[in-house]
Amino acid sequence: MDAAIAFLLRYGRRAAISLVIYMLTYLPVVGRFVLPAASFYTFNKAVGPVPAMIIFGSGIFLPRRYLVIFLQSYFSSRSLMRELLEPYFSRIRFNKEQKRLWFHDREGLLFGFGIGFYIFLKIPLLGVLIYGIAEASTAFLITKITDPPPPPAHSEKFAETQVRWTNKHEFLRLPLANLDEHNTSTDKKEQNPARIGDLPGKKFS
């Protein structure tokens, strides 16, 4: 019930803001700058000021419908990512502020990940298959941007440690062919070499 109320409040607030912005676009003189300004404010948090400024400058000259489609795609990709990440958040209990910071610290990566799958999901018939791939890819992504969760009995304070993406810079510098490199090196550091020889198994000469 709480999840349904949160869903309705979130989308009701978004619909109200969209309606107000749309009405402001009909104001004389300043109306033409409303959508570009909204685009800059939205994308500045996700991709940084330079790309957001390019979007703002382009939006002044582009027809209004292109900016509307652009903003709609952005918010739809965000909604898609929230839906794909729901299994993770049902397993790891974040409070509202922790969840907001979790998304904010990974916003650029999640935007790029979500917008790609959103575009493919629009393909008729193929979209259903793409959604299954998106779910599997999200599970893989989670292993790269978070730490492995502990057993439920020990997960009380785990959410606090996951708010910040600690290996962000190391991960973003990795080539696509070596995305597992950071996880592999971390596993090797955490492994206790003194216990390796104690493991039962066949001895090779």
N, C-alpha and C. Protein backbone atom coordinates (compact mmCIF):
# COMPACT_ATOMS: atom_id res chain seq x y z
N MET A 1 0.83 -1.21 0.00
CA MET A 1 0.00 0.00 0.00
C MET A 1 0.86 1.26 0.00
N ASP A 2 1.93 1.24 0.83
CA ASP A 2 2.83 2.40 0.87
C ASP A 2 3.52 2.60 -0.46
N ALA A 3 3.88 1.50 -1.14
CA ALA A 3 4.54 1.62 -2.44
C ALA A 3 3.59 2.22 -3.47
N ALA A 4 2.31 1.84 -3.42
CA ALA A 4 1.32 2.38 -4.36
C ALA A 4 1.11 3.87 -4.12
N ILE A 5 1.06 4.28 -2.84
CA ILE A 5 0.89 5.70 -2.53
C ILE A 5 2.10 6.50 -2.99
N ALA A 6 3.30 5.96 -2.76
CA ALA A 6 4.52 6.65 -3.21
C ALA A 6 4.54 6.77 -4.72
N PHE A 7 4.08 5.71 -5.42
CA PHE A 7 4.02 5.73 -6.88
C PHE A 7 3.08 6.82 -7.37
N LEU A 8 1.89 6.90 -6.76
CA LEU A 8 0.89 7.91 -7.18
C LEU A 8 1.38 9.32 -6.88
N LEU A 9 2.01 9.51 -5.73
CA LEU A 9 2.52 10.84 -5.39
C LEU A 9 3.62 11.27 -6.34
N ARG A 10 4.52 10.33 -6.67
CA ARG A 10 5.64 10.66 -7.55
C ARG A 10 5.15 11.05 -8.94
N TYR A 11 4.25 10.25 -9.49
CA TYR A 11 3.78 10.53 -10.85
C TYR A 11 2.77 11.69 -10.88
N GLY A 12 2.02 11.87 -9.79
CA GLY A 12 1.14 13.03 -9.72
C GLY A 12 1.93 14.32 -9.68
N ARG A 13 3.00 14.34 -8.90
CA ARG A 13 3.87 15.52 -8.84
C ARG A 13 4.51 15.80 -10.19
N ARG A 14 4.96 14.72 -10.85
CA ARG A 14 5.60 14.90 -12.16
C ARG A 14 4.60 15.41 -13.19
N ALA A 15 3.37 14.91 -13.15
CA ALA A 15 2.34 15.37 -14.10
C ALA A 15 2.01 16.84 -13.86
N ALA A 16 1.96 17.24 -12.59
CA ALA A 16 1.64 18.63 -12.27
C ALA A 16 2.76 19.57 -12.77
N ILE A 17 4.00 19.17 -12.55
CA ILE A 17 5.12 20.00 -13.02
C ILE A 17 5.12 20.09 -14.54
N SER A 18 4.87 18.97 -15.21
CA SER A 18 4.84 18.97 -16.67
C SER A 18 3.74 19.89 -17.19
N LEU A 19 2.58 19.87 -16.53
CA LEU A 19 1.47 20.73 -16.95
C LEU A 19 1.81 22.20 -16.78
N VAL A 20 2.44 22.53 -15.65
CA VAL A 20 2.82 23.93 -15.41
C VAL A 20 3.84 24.39 -16.44
N ILE A 21 4.85 23.56 -16.72
CA ILE A 21 5.86 23.92 -17.72
C ILE A 21 5.23 24.11 -19.09
N TYR A 22 4.31 23.21 -19.44
CA TYR A 22 3.65 23.31 -20.74
C TYR A 22 2.85 24.61 -20.85
N MET A 23 2.18 25.01 -19.79
CA MET A 23 1.41 26.26 -19.81
C MET A 23 2.33 27.47 -19.90
N LEU A 24 3.48 27.39 -19.24
CA LEU A 24 4.42 28.51 -19.28
C LEU A 24 5.01 28.72 -20.68
N THR A 25 5.03 27.69 -21.50
CA THR A 25 5.59 27.83 -22.85
C THR A 25 4.75 28.77 -23.72
N TYR A 26 3.52 29.05 -23.32
CA TYR A 26 2.64 29.93 -24.10
C TYR A 26 2.74 31.39 -23.66
N LEU A 27 3.60 31.67 -22.68
CA LEU A 27 3.80 33.06 -22.29
C LEU A 27 4.53 33.82 -23.40
N PRO A 28 4.18 35.08 -23.61
CA PRO A 28 4.89 35.85 -24.64
C PRO A 28 6.34 36.11 -24.24
N VAL A 29 7.20 36.15 -25.21
CA VAL A 29 8.63 36.45 -25.09
C VAL A 29 9.39 35.33 -24.35
N VAL A 30 9.08 35.08 -23.08
CA VAL A 30 9.86 34.12 -22.29
C VAL A 30 9.42 32.68 -22.54
N GLY A 31 8.27 32.48 -23.18
CA GLY A 31 7.74 31.14 -23.36
C GLY A 31 8.66 30.22 -24.14
N ARG A 32 9.37 30.77 -25.10
CA ARG A 32 10.25 29.96 -25.94
C ARG A 32 11.48 29.44 -25.18
N PHE A 33 11.78 30.06 -24.03
CA PHE A 33 12.94 29.64 -23.24
C PHE A 33 12.59 28.66 -22.13
N VAL A 34 11.30 28.42 -21.92
CA VAL A 34 10.88 27.59 -20.78
C VAL A 34 11.34 26.14 -20.94
N LEU A 35 11.04 25.52 -22.10
CA LEU A 35 11.43 24.13 -22.31
C LEU A 35 12.95 23.95 -22.36
N PRO A 36 13.69 24.83 -23.07
CA PRO A 36 15.15 24.70 -23.01
C PRO A 36 15.71 24.84 -21.60
N ALA A 37 15.14 25.76 -20.81
CA ALA A 37 15.60 25.93 -19.43
C ALA A 37 15.29 24.70 -18.59
N ALA A 38 14.10 24.12 -18.80
CA ALA A 38 13.73 22.89 -18.08
C ALA A 38 14.65 21.75 -18.48
N SER A 39 15.02 21.70 -19.76
CA SER A 39 15.94 20.66 -20.22
C SER A 39 17.31 20.83 -19.59
N PHE A 40 17.79 22.07 -19.51
CA PHE A 40 19.10 22.32 -18.89
C PHE A 40 19.08 21.91 -17.42
N TYR A 41 18.05 22.30 -16.69
CA TYR A 41 17.96 21.98 -15.27
C TYR A 41 17.93 20.46 -15.06
N THR A 42 17.20 19.77 -15.92
CA THR A 42 17.04 18.31 -15.78
C THR A 42 18.35 17.59 -16.08
N PHE A 43 18.99 17.95 -17.20
CA PHE A 43 20.17 17.20 -17.65
C PHE A 43 21.45 17.65 -16.97
N ASN A 44 21.45 18.81 -16.36
CA ASN A 44 22.65 19.27 -15.67
C ASN A 44 23.01 18.31 -14.53
N LYS A 45 22.00 17.76 -13.85
CA LYS A 45 22.26 16.83 -12.75
C LYS A 45 22.72 15.47 -13.26
N ALA A 46 22.27 15.10 -14.46
CA ALA A 46 22.56 13.75 -14.96
C ALA A 46 23.87 13.68 -15.75
N VAL A 47 24.12 14.65 -16.61
CA VAL A 47 25.27 14.55 -17.52
C VAL A 47 26.27 15.69 -17.38
N GLY A 48 25.98 16.69 -16.54
CA GLY A 48 26.91 17.78 -16.34
C GLY A 48 26.52 19.04 -17.09
N PRO A 49 27.17 20.17 -16.79
CA PRO A 49 26.76 21.46 -17.36
C PRO A 49 27.03 21.64 -18.84
N VAL A 50 28.13 21.07 -19.35
CA VAL A 50 28.46 21.29 -20.77
C VAL A 50 27.45 20.63 -21.70
N PRO A 51 27.17 19.31 -21.57
CA PRO A 51 26.13 18.72 -22.42
C PRO A 51 24.76 19.37 -22.20
N ALA A 52 24.47 19.75 -20.95
CA ALA A 52 23.18 20.39 -20.67
C ALA A 52 23.08 21.75 -21.37
N MET A 53 24.20 22.47 -21.44
CA MET A 53 24.20 23.76 -22.13
C MET A 53 24.00 23.58 -23.64
N ILE A 54 24.57 22.51 -24.19
CA ILE A 54 24.38 22.22 -25.62
C ILE A 54 22.91 21.92 -25.89
N ILE A 55 22.28 21.16 -24.99
CA ILE A 55 20.86 20.86 -25.13
C ILE A 55 20.04 22.14 -25.03
N PHE A 56 20.41 23.03 -24.10
CA PHE A 56 19.71 24.30 -23.95
C PHE A 56 19.81 25.14 -25.22
N GLY A 57 21.04 25.25 -25.76
CA GLY A 57 21.22 26.05 -26.98
C GLY A 57 20.48 25.48 -28.17
N SER A 58 20.48 24.14 -28.29
CA SER A 58 19.76 23.52 -29.40
C SER A 58 18.26 23.69 -29.24
N GLY A 59 17.80 23.65 -27.98
CA GLY A 59 16.37 23.73 -27.73
C GLY A 59 15.76 25.06 -28.11
N ILE A 60 16.55 26.10 -28.15
CA ILE A 60 16.02 27.41 -28.53
C ILE A 60 15.60 27.44 -29.99
N PHE A 61 16.30 26.67 -30.82
CA PHE A 61 16.04 26.70 -32.26
C PHE A 61 15.20 25.51 -32.74
N LEU A 62 15.18 24.43 -31.97
CA LEU A 62 14.40 23.27 -32.39
C LEU A 62 12.91 23.47 -32.13
N PRO A 63 12.05 22.85 -32.92
CA PRO A 63 10.60 22.90 -32.64
C PRO A 63 10.29 22.32 -31.27
N ARG A 64 9.22 22.78 -30.67
CA ARG A 64 8.85 22.38 -29.32
C ARG A 64 8.64 20.88 -29.18
N ARG A 65 8.09 20.25 -30.20
CA ARG A 65 7.77 18.82 -30.09
C ARG A 65 9.02 17.96 -29.90
N TYR A 66 10.16 18.39 -30.44
CA TYR A 66 11.38 17.61 -30.27
C TYR A 66 11.87 17.65 -28.81
N LEU A 67 11.75 18.81 -28.20
CA LEU A 67 12.14 18.92 -26.80
C LEU A 67 11.21 18.12 -25.90
N VAL A 68 9.92 18.13 -26.24
CA VAL A 68 8.95 17.35 -25.46
C VAL A 68 9.28 15.86 -25.56
N ILE A 69 9.59 15.39 -26.77
CA ILE A 69 9.96 13.98 -26.95
C ILE A 69 11.24 13.66 -26.19
N PHE A 70 12.20 14.60 -26.21
CA PHE A 70 13.47 14.41 -25.53
C PHE A 70 13.27 14.28 -24.02
N LEU A 71 12.48 15.19 -23.45
CA LEU A 71 12.23 15.15 -22.01
C LEU A 71 11.41 13.92 -21.62
N GLN A 72 10.46 13.57 -22.48
CA GLN A 72 9.65 12.39 -22.21
C GLN A 72 10.52 11.13 -22.19
N SER A 73 11.47 11.05 -23.12
CA SER A 73 12.37 9.90 -23.16
C SER A 73 13.24 9.83 -21.91
N TYR A 74 13.69 10.99 -21.45
CA TYR A 74 14.52 11.03 -20.25
C TYR A 74 13.76 10.51 -19.03
N PHE A 75 12.57 11.05 -18.82
CA PHE A 75 11.80 10.64 -17.63
C PHE A 75 11.31 9.20 -17.75
N SER A 76 11.03 8.76 -18.97
CA SER A 76 10.61 7.37 -19.15
C SER A 76 11.76 6.42 -18.86
N SER A 77 12.98 6.80 -19.26
CA SER A 77 14.14 5.94 -18.98
C SER A 77 14.41 5.88 -17.48
N ARG A 78 14.18 6.99 -16.78
CA ARG A 78 14.33 6.98 -15.32
C ARG A 78 13.31 6.06 -14.67
N SER A 79 12.08 6.11 -15.16
CA SER A 79 11.05 5.22 -14.62
C SER A 79 11.39 3.76 -14.90
N LEU A 80 11.93 3.50 -16.09
CA LEU A 80 12.34 2.13 -16.43
C LEU A 80 13.43 1.64 -15.49
N MET A 81 14.41 2.50 -15.18
CA MET A 81 15.48 2.10 -14.29
C MET A 81 14.97 1.82 -12.88
N ARG A 82 14.03 2.63 -12.40
CA ARG A 82 13.44 2.39 -11.08
C ARG A 82 12.74 1.04 -11.05
N GLU A 83 12.07 0.71 -12.13
CA GLU A 83 11.36 -0.56 -12.21
C GLU A 83 12.35 -1.73 -12.25
N LEU A 84 13.42 -1.59 -13.02
CA LEU A 84 14.41 -2.66 -13.13
C LEU A 84 15.19 -2.86 -11.82
N LEU A 85 15.34 -1.79 -11.06
CA LEU A 85 16.10 -1.87 -9.82
C LEU A 85 15.23 -2.24 -8.61
N GLU A 86 13.95 -2.42 -8.82
CA GLU A 86 13.04 -2.72 -7.71
C GLU A 86 13.44 -4.00 -6.96
N PRO A 87 13.85 -5.09 -7.65
CA PRO A 87 14.28 -6.28 -6.89
C PRO A 87 15.46 -6.00 -5.96
N TYR A 88 16.39 -5.14 -6.39
CA TYR A 88 17.54 -4.81 -5.54
C TYR A 88 17.09 -4.05 -4.30
N PHE A 89 16.21 -3.07 -4.49
CA PHE A 89 15.77 -2.26 -3.36
C PHE A 89 14.80 -3.01 -2.44
N SER A 90 14.17 -4.05 -2.94
CA SER A 90 13.36 -4.89 -2.06
C SER A 90 14.24 -5.81 -1.21
N ARG A 91 15.45 -6.06 -1.68
CA ARG A 91 16.41 -6.90 -0.94
C ARG A 91 17.22 -6.07 0.05
N ILE A 92 17.66 -4.88 -0.37
CA ILE A 92 18.42 -3.98 0.49
C ILE A 92 17.51 -2.82 0.88
N ARG A 93 17.24 -2.69 2.16
CA ARG A 93 16.27 -1.71 2.63
C ARG A 93 16.93 -0.34 2.85
N PHE A 94 16.75 0.56 1.88
CA PHE A 94 17.21 1.93 2.00
C PHE A 94 16.05 2.79 2.51
N ASN A 95 16.36 3.81 3.31
CA ASN A 95 15.31 4.78 3.61
C ASN A 95 15.21 5.78 2.45
N LYS A 96 14.27 6.70 2.53
CA LYS A 96 14.00 7.60 1.41
C LYS A 96 15.22 8.44 1.04
N GLU A 97 15.91 8.98 2.04
CA GLU A 97 17.07 9.84 1.78
C GLU A 97 18.23 9.03 1.22
N GLN A 98 18.46 7.85 1.76
CA GLN A 98 19.54 6.99 1.26
C GLN A 98 19.29 6.59 -0.19
N LYS A 99 18.05 6.29 -0.52
CA LYS A 99 17.72 5.91 -1.89
C LYS A 99 17.92 7.07 -2.85
N ARG A 100 17.55 8.28 -2.41
CA ARG A 100 17.75 9.47 -3.25
C ARG A 100 19.24 9.68 -3.52
N LEU A 101 20.07 9.55 -2.48
CA LEU A 101 21.51 9.73 -2.65
C LEU A 101 22.11 8.61 -3.50
N TRP A 102 21.59 7.40 -3.36
CA TRP A 102 22.07 6.27 -4.17
C TRP A 102 21.87 6.56 -5.65
N PHE A 103 20.69 7.02 -6.02
CA PHE A 103 20.41 7.35 -7.42
C PHE A 103 21.24 8.55 -7.87
N HIS A 104 21.37 9.55 -7.02
CA HIS A 104 22.09 10.77 -7.40
C HIS A 104 23.57 10.47 -7.68
N ASP A 105 24.18 9.58 -6.91
CA ASP A 105 25.60 9.28 -7.07
C ASP A 105 25.87 8.47 -8.33
N ARG A 106 24.82 7.83 -8.89
CA ARG A 106 24.99 6.99 -10.08
C ARG A 106 24.12 7.47 -11.24
N GLU A 107 23.69 8.73 -11.17
CA GLU A 107 22.68 9.23 -12.09
C GLU A 107 23.11 9.18 -13.55
N GLY A 108 24.34 9.60 -13.84
CA GLY A 108 24.80 9.62 -15.22
C GLY A 108 24.84 8.22 -15.83
N LEU A 109 25.40 7.27 -15.10
CA LEU A 109 25.49 5.90 -15.59
C LEU A 109 24.10 5.30 -15.79
N LEU A 110 23.21 5.50 -14.83
CA LEU A 110 21.86 4.94 -14.92
C LEU A 110 21.09 5.56 -16.09
N PHE A 111 21.33 6.85 -16.36
CA PHE A 111 20.67 7.49 -17.50
C PHE A 111 21.12 6.85 -18.80
N GLY A 112 22.43 6.69 -18.97
CA GLY A 112 22.93 6.08 -20.21
C GLY A 112 22.47 4.64 -20.36
N PHE A 113 22.44 3.90 -19.26
CA PHE A 113 21.98 2.51 -19.28
C PHE A 113 20.49 2.44 -19.62
N GLY A 114 19.70 3.29 -18.97
CA GLY A 114 18.25 3.23 -19.15
C GLY A 114 17.78 3.73 -20.50
N ILE A 115 18.40 4.79 -21.02
CA ILE A 115 17.92 5.35 -22.29
C ILE A 115 18.16 4.40 -23.45
N GLY A 116 19.25 3.62 -23.37
CA GLY A 116 19.52 2.65 -24.43
C GLY A 116 18.44 1.58 -24.49
N PHE A 117 18.09 1.02 -23.33
CA PHE A 117 17.06 0.00 -23.31
C PHE A 117 15.68 0.58 -23.60
N TYR A 118 15.44 1.83 -23.20
CA TYR A 118 14.15 2.45 -23.49
C TYR A 118 13.92 2.56 -25.00
N ILE A 119 14.96 2.91 -25.73
CA ILE A 119 14.83 3.03 -27.19
C ILE A 119 14.53 1.67 -27.81
N PHE A 120 15.21 0.62 -27.35
CA PHE A 120 14.97 -0.71 -27.91
C PHE A 120 13.60 -1.25 -27.51
N LEU A 121 13.11 -0.86 -26.34
CA LEU A 121 11.79 -1.33 -25.91
C LEU A 121 10.67 -0.77 -26.76
N LYS A 122 10.94 0.32 -27.47
CA LYS A 122 9.92 0.92 -28.34
C LYS A 122 9.74 0.14 -29.63
N ILE A 123 10.64 -0.80 -29.92
CA ILE A 123 10.54 -1.59 -31.14
C ILE A 123 9.39 -2.58 -31.00
N PRO A 124 8.42 -2.58 -31.90
CA PRO A 124 7.29 -3.51 -31.79
C PRO A 124 7.75 -4.97 -31.80
N LEU A 125 7.06 -5.81 -31.02
CA LEU A 125 7.30 -7.24 -30.90
C LEU A 125 8.63 -7.55 -30.22
N LEU A 126 9.70 -6.89 -30.65
CA LEU A 126 11.02 -7.17 -30.09
C LEU A 126 11.17 -6.62 -28.67
N GLY A 127 10.35 -5.63 -28.33
CA GLY A 127 10.47 -4.97 -27.04
C GLY A 127 10.30 -5.92 -25.86
N VAL A 128 9.42 -6.92 -25.98
CA VAL A 128 9.19 -7.86 -24.90
C VAL A 128 10.46 -8.66 -24.61
N LEU A 129 11.15 -9.08 -25.66
CA LEU A 129 12.41 -9.82 -25.48
C LEU A 129 13.50 -8.92 -24.90
N ILE A 130 13.51 -7.66 -25.34
CA ILE A 130 14.52 -6.72 -24.86
C ILE A 130 14.36 -6.48 -23.36
N TYR A 131 13.12 -6.51 -22.87
CA TYR A 131 12.90 -6.27 -21.44
C TYR A 131 13.57 -7.37 -20.60
N GLY A 132 13.50 -8.61 -21.06
CA GLY A 132 14.18 -9.69 -20.35
C GLY A 132 15.69 -9.49 -20.33
N ILE A 133 16.24 -9.02 -21.45
CA ILE A 133 17.67 -8.73 -21.50
C ILE A 133 18.01 -7.56 -20.57
N ALA A 134 17.11 -6.58 -20.49
CA ALA A 134 17.34 -5.43 -19.61
C ALA A 134 17.38 -5.87 -18.15
N GLU A 135 16.51 -6.80 -17.76
CA GLU A 135 16.52 -7.30 -16.38
C GLU A 135 17.83 -8.01 -16.06
N ALA A 136 18.28 -8.87 -16.98
CA ALA A 136 19.53 -9.58 -16.76
C ALA A 136 20.72 -8.60 -16.73
N SER A 137 20.69 -7.61 -17.60
CA SER A 137 21.78 -6.63 -17.66
C SER A 137 21.80 -5.77 -16.40
N THR A 138 20.63 -5.48 -15.84
CA THR A 138 20.58 -4.70 -14.61
C THR A 138 21.20 -5.48 -13.45
N ALA A 139 20.93 -6.78 -13.40
CA ALA A 139 21.54 -7.62 -12.36
C ALA A 139 23.06 -7.61 -12.49
N PHE A 140 23.57 -7.65 -13.73
CA PHE A 140 25.01 -7.57 -13.96
C PHE A 140 25.56 -6.20 -13.55
N LEU A 141 24.81 -5.15 -13.89
CA LEU A 141 25.24 -3.79 -13.54
C LEU A 141 25.35 -3.61 -12.03
N ILE A 142 24.40 -4.17 -11.30
CA ILE A 142 24.40 -4.03 -9.84
C ILE A 142 25.69 -4.59 -9.24
N THR A 143 26.22 -5.66 -9.82
CA THR A 143 27.46 -6.25 -9.29
C THR A 143 28.66 -5.33 -9.50
N LYS A 144 28.53 -4.35 -10.39
CA LYS A 144 29.65 -3.45 -10.68
C LYS A 144 29.58 -2.15 -9.90
N ILE A 145 28.38 -1.74 -9.49
CA ILE A 145 28.23 -0.43 -8.85
C ILE A 145 27.85 -0.54 -7.37
N THR A 146 27.79 -1.76 -6.85
CA THR A 146 27.53 -1.97 -5.43
C THR A 146 28.39 -3.13 -4.93
N ASP A 147 28.41 -3.31 -3.63
CA ASP A 147 29.10 -4.44 -3.02
C ASP A 147 28.13 -5.61 -2.86
N PRO A 148 28.64 -6.84 -2.80
CA PRO A 148 27.76 -7.99 -2.59
C PRO A 148 27.02 -7.87 -1.25
N PRO A 149 25.71 -8.07 -1.23
CA PRO A 149 24.95 -7.92 0.02
C PRO A 149 25.24 -9.05 0.99
N PRO A 150 25.22 -8.76 2.28
CA PRO A 150 25.42 -9.80 3.29
C PRO A 150 24.14 -10.61 3.49
N PRO A 151 24.18 -11.65 4.31
CA PRO A 151 22.94 -12.37 4.64
C PRO A 151 21.93 -11.42 5.29
N PRO A 152 20.64 -11.68 5.15
CA PRO A 152 19.62 -10.77 5.70
C PRO A 152 19.80 -10.46 7.18
N ALA A 153 20.31 -11.42 7.96
CA ALA A 153 20.48 -11.20 9.39
C ALA A 153 21.53 -10.14 9.71
N HIS A 154 22.42 -9.84 8.75
CA HIS A 154 23.51 -8.88 8.98
C HIS A 154 23.42 -7.66 8.06
N SER A 155 22.24 -7.39 7.52
CA SER A 155 22.12 -6.32 6.52
C SER A 155 21.56 -5.03 7.08
N GLU A 156 21.52 -4.91 8.42
CA GLU A 156 20.88 -3.74 9.03
C GLU A 156 21.57 -2.44 8.63
N LYS A 157 22.91 -2.40 8.70
CA LYS A 157 23.65 -1.18 8.40
C LYS A 157 24.32 -1.22 7.04
N PHE A 158 24.03 -2.25 6.26
CA PHE A 158 24.69 -2.39 4.96
C PHE A 158 24.29 -1.27 4.00
N ALA A 159 23.02 -0.85 4.04
CA ALA A 159 22.52 0.18 3.11
C ALA A 159 23.33 1.47 3.23
N GLU A 160 23.74 1.83 4.46
CA GLU A 160 24.50 3.06 4.66
C GLU A 160 25.82 3.03 3.90
N THR A 161 26.43 1.86 3.79
CA THR A 161 27.73 1.75 3.12
C THR A 161 27.61 1.78 1.60
N GLN A 162 26.38 1.65 1.07
CA GLN A 162 26.19 1.57 -0.38
C GLN A 162 25.68 2.86 -1.00
N VAL A 163 25.42 3.86 -0.18
CA VAL A 163 24.89 5.12 -0.71
C VAL A 163 25.86 5.75 -1.70
N ARG A 164 27.15 5.77 -1.34
CA ARG A 164 28.18 6.32 -2.23
C ARG A 164 28.79 5.21 -3.07
N TRP A 165 29.02 5.52 -4.34
CA TRP A 165 29.63 4.57 -5.26
C TRP A 165 31.14 4.67 -5.08
N THR A 166 31.71 3.79 -4.28
CA THR A 166 33.11 3.93 -3.86
C THR A 166 34.11 3.64 -4.98
N ASN A 167 33.77 2.74 -5.90
CA ASN A 167 34.73 2.40 -6.96
C ASN A 167 34.37 3.04 -8.30
N LYS A 168 33.71 4.21 -8.22
CA LYS A 168 33.22 4.87 -9.43
C LYS A 168 34.33 5.14 -10.45
N HIS A 169 35.38 5.82 -10.01
CA HIS A 169 36.43 6.24 -10.95
C HIS A 169 37.19 5.04 -11.51
N GLU A 170 37.44 4.02 -10.68
CA GLU A 170 38.12 2.83 -11.17
C GLU A 170 37.28 2.11 -12.21
N PHE A 171 35.98 2.00 -11.96
CA PHE A 171 35.11 1.29 -12.88
C PHE A 171 34.96 2.03 -14.21
N LEU A 172 34.79 3.35 -14.16
CA LEU A 172 34.58 4.12 -15.39
C LEU A 172 35.83 4.17 -16.26
N ARG A 173 37.00 3.90 -15.67
CA ARG A 173 38.23 3.88 -16.47
C ARG A 173 38.49 2.53 -17.13
N LEU A 174 37.72 1.51 -16.75
CA LEU A 174 37.94 0.18 -17.31
C LEU A 174 37.44 0.09 -18.74
N PRO A 175 38.17 -0.60 -19.64
CA PRO A 175 37.64 -0.86 -20.99
C PRO A 175 36.48 -1.85 -20.91
N LEU A 176 35.64 -1.87 -21.93
CA LEU A 176 34.46 -2.73 -21.92
C LEU A 176 34.82 -4.20 -21.80
N ALA A 177 35.98 -4.58 -22.35
CA ALA A 177 36.37 -5.99 -22.32
C ALA A 177 36.82 -6.44 -20.93
N ASN A 178 37.10 -5.49 -20.02
CA ASN A 178 37.62 -5.85 -18.70
C ASN A 178 36.75 -5.32 -17.56
N LEU A 179 35.44 -5.37 -17.73
CA LEU A 179 34.55 -4.83 -16.71
C LEU A 179 34.61 -5.61 -15.40
N ASP A 180 35.06 -6.87 -15.46
CA ASP A 180 35.15 -7.68 -14.26
C ASP A 180 36.47 -7.51 -13.52
N GLU A 181 37.36 -6.68 -14.04
CA GLU A 181 38.70 -6.58 -13.47
C GLU A 181 38.67 -6.09 -12.03
N HIS A 182 37.87 -5.07 -11.74
CA HIS A 182 37.83 -4.52 -10.39
C HIS A 182 37.28 -5.54 -9.40
N ASN A 183 36.22 -6.25 -9.79
CA ASN A 183 35.64 -7.25 -8.89
C ASN A 183 36.62 -8.39 -8.63
N THR A 184 37.36 -8.79 -9.67
CA THR A 184 38.33 -9.87 -9.52
C THR A 184 39.45 -9.49 -8.57
N SER A 185 39.96 -8.27 -8.72
CA SER A 185 41.05 -7.83 -7.85
C SER A 185 40.57 -7.68 -6.42
N THR A 186 39.33 -7.24 -6.23
CA THR A 186 38.78 -7.10 -4.89
C THR A 186 38.62 -8.46 -4.23
N ASP A 187 38.14 -9.43 -5.00
CA ASP A 187 37.97 -10.78 -4.46
C ASP A 187 39.30 -11.38 -4.03
N LYS A 188 40.36 -11.13 -4.80
CA LYS A 188 41.67 -11.68 -4.48
C LYS A 188 42.22 -11.08 -3.20
N LYS A 189 41.94 -9.77 -3.00
CA LYS A 189 42.42 -9.13 -1.78
C LYS A 189 41.71 -9.67 -0.55
N GLU A 190 40.41 -9.98 -0.70
CA GLU A 190 39.63 -10.42 0.44
C GLU A 190 39.82 -11.90 0.74
N GLN A 191 40.40 -12.64 -0.21
CA GLN A 191 40.58 -14.08 -0.01
C GLN A 191 41.71 -14.33 0.98
N ASN A 192 41.52 -15.31 1.85
CA ASN A 192 42.53 -15.63 2.85
C ASN A 192 43.42 -16.76 2.32
N PRO A 193 44.64 -16.48 1.91
CA PRO A 193 45.48 -17.51 1.29
C PRO A 193 45.86 -18.62 2.26
N ALA A 194 45.81 -18.35 3.56
CA ALA A 194 46.21 -19.37 4.53
C ALA A 194 45.23 -20.52 4.58
N ARG A 195 43.99 -20.27 4.13
CA ARG A 195 42.96 -21.30 4.21
C ARG A 195 42.83 -22.07 2.90
N ILE A 196 43.49 -21.63 1.85
CA ILE A 196 43.34 -22.29 0.56
C ILE A 196 43.85 -23.72 0.61
N GLY A 197 44.99 -23.93 1.28
CA GLY A 197 45.55 -25.27 1.36
C GLY A 197 44.75 -26.20 2.25
N ASP A 198 43.88 -25.64 3.11
CA ASP A 198 43.09 -26.47 4.01
C ASP A 198 41.83 -27.02 3.36
N LEU A 199 41.50 -26.51 2.16
CA LEU A 199 40.27 -26.95 1.52
C LEU A 199 40.41 -28.39 1.06
N PRO A 200 39.38 -29.22 1.33
CA PRO A 200 39.47 -30.62 0.87
C PRO A 200 39.39 -30.71 -0.63
N GLY A 201 40.06 -31.65 -1.19
CA GLY A 201 40.03 -31.82 -2.63
C GLY A 201 41.11 -32.78 -3.07
N LYS A 202 41.11 -33.06 -4.35
CA LYS A 202 42.08 -33.98 -4.89
C LYS A 202 43.45 -33.34 -4.99
N LYS A 203 44.48 -34.08 -4.59
CA LYS A 203 45.85 -33.59 -4.65
C LYS A 203 46.48 -33.98 -5.98
N PHE A 204 47.13 -33.01 -6.61
CA PHE A 204 47.79 -33.28 -7.88
C PHE A 204 49.29 -33.24 -7.66
N SER A 205 50.01 -34.19 -8.23
CA SER A 205 51.46 -34.22 -8.10
C SER A 205 52.12 -33.69 -9.37
